Protein backbone atom coordinates (compact mmCIF):
# COMPACT_ATOMS: atom_id res chain seq x y z
CA UNK A 1 152.97 113.55 97.14
CA UNK A 2 149.26 113.13 96.51
CA UNK A 3 147.51 116.14 95.03
CA UNK A 4 144.91 116.15 97.82
CA UNK A 5 147.69 116.74 100.36
CA UNK A 6 149.02 119.67 98.37
CA UNK A 7 145.53 121.21 98.40
CA UNK A 8 145.37 121.14 102.22
CA UNK A 9 147.91 123.94 102.53
CA UNK A 10 146.79 127.10 100.79
CA UNK A 11 149.72 129.38 101.65
CA UNK A 12 152.98 127.42 101.42
CA UNK A 13 155.36 130.33 102.22
CA UNK A 14 153.53 131.00 105.50
CA UNK A 15 153.29 127.28 106.30
CA UNK A 16 157.03 126.81 105.80
CA UNK A 17 157.92 129.98 107.73
CA UNK A 18 155.92 128.97 110.84
CA UNK A 19 158.00 127.59 113.68
CA UNK A 20 157.41 124.12 115.02
CA UNK A 21 156.61 123.50 118.65
CA UNK A 22 159.45 122.11 120.78
CA UNK A 23 157.69 118.73 120.81
CA UNK A 24 157.40 118.66 117.00
CA UNK A 25 161.05 119.71 116.62
CA UNK A 26 162.17 116.93 118.97
CA UNK A 27 160.05 114.36 117.12
CA UNK A 28 161.42 115.37 113.73
CA UNK A 29 164.94 115.44 115.14
CA UNK A 30 164.54 111.87 116.41
CA UNK A 31 163.48 110.57 113.01
CA UNK A 32 166.17 112.60 111.23
CA UNK A 33 168.92 111.30 113.53
CA UNK A 34 167.82 107.65 113.49
CA UNK A 35 166.81 107.44 109.84
CA UNK A 36 163.49 105.76 110.64
CA UNK A 37 160.51 106.87 108.53
CA UNK A 38 158.06 109.31 110.09
CA UNK A 39 154.40 108.97 109.24
CA UNK A 40 151.00 107.57 110.06
CA UNK A 41 150.77 103.95 111.20
CA UNK A 42 148.78 102.90 108.11
CA UNK A 43 151.34 104.49 105.79
CA UNK A 44 154.25 102.84 107.62
CA UNK A 45 152.48 99.47 107.55
CA UNK A 46 152.01 99.83 103.79
CA UNK A 47 155.71 100.64 103.32
CA UNK A 48 156.71 97.64 105.41
CA UNK A 49 154.39 95.36 103.43
CA UNK A 50 155.66 96.62 100.08
CA UNK A 51 159.33 96.44 101.07
CA UNK A 52 159.05 93.17 102.99
CA UNK A 53 161.14 94.74 105.78
CA UNK A 54 160.57 96.19 109.22
CA UNK A 55 161.09 99.94 108.94
CA UNK A 56 160.05 101.02 112.44
CA UNK A 57 162.39 100.69 115.40
CA UNK A 58 161.94 97.72 117.69
CA UNK A 59 160.80 98.58 121.25
CA UNK A 60 164.27 97.82 122.66
CA UNK A 61 165.78 100.54 120.43
CA UNK A 62 163.20 103.09 121.52
CA UNK A 63 163.86 102.32 125.19
CA UNK A 64 167.62 102.83 124.77
CA UNK A 65 167.17 106.15 122.92
CA UNK A 66 164.64 107.50 125.42
CA UNK A 67 166.83 106.43 128.33
CA UNK A 68 169.81 108.19 126.76
CA UNK A 69 167.93 111.50 126.46
CA UNK A 70 166.38 111.15 129.93
CA UNK A 71 162.78 110.67 128.83
CA UNK A 72 162.32 107.04 129.89
């Protein structure tokens, strides 16, 4: 983890104790359940370039998951 990111959060105990919004919880749950990486587009693109593999879900996968949970 880059040091500049660690400096952004001054009070880690409070940051970790705060509850996530329902939307944030659902988003993290999706990535936890599917195993896809969660992050900024530029970061994901860099990972895909370095690994030589597609790490993000294809659109057909997203459609099937969203349909299953009733969000499509």
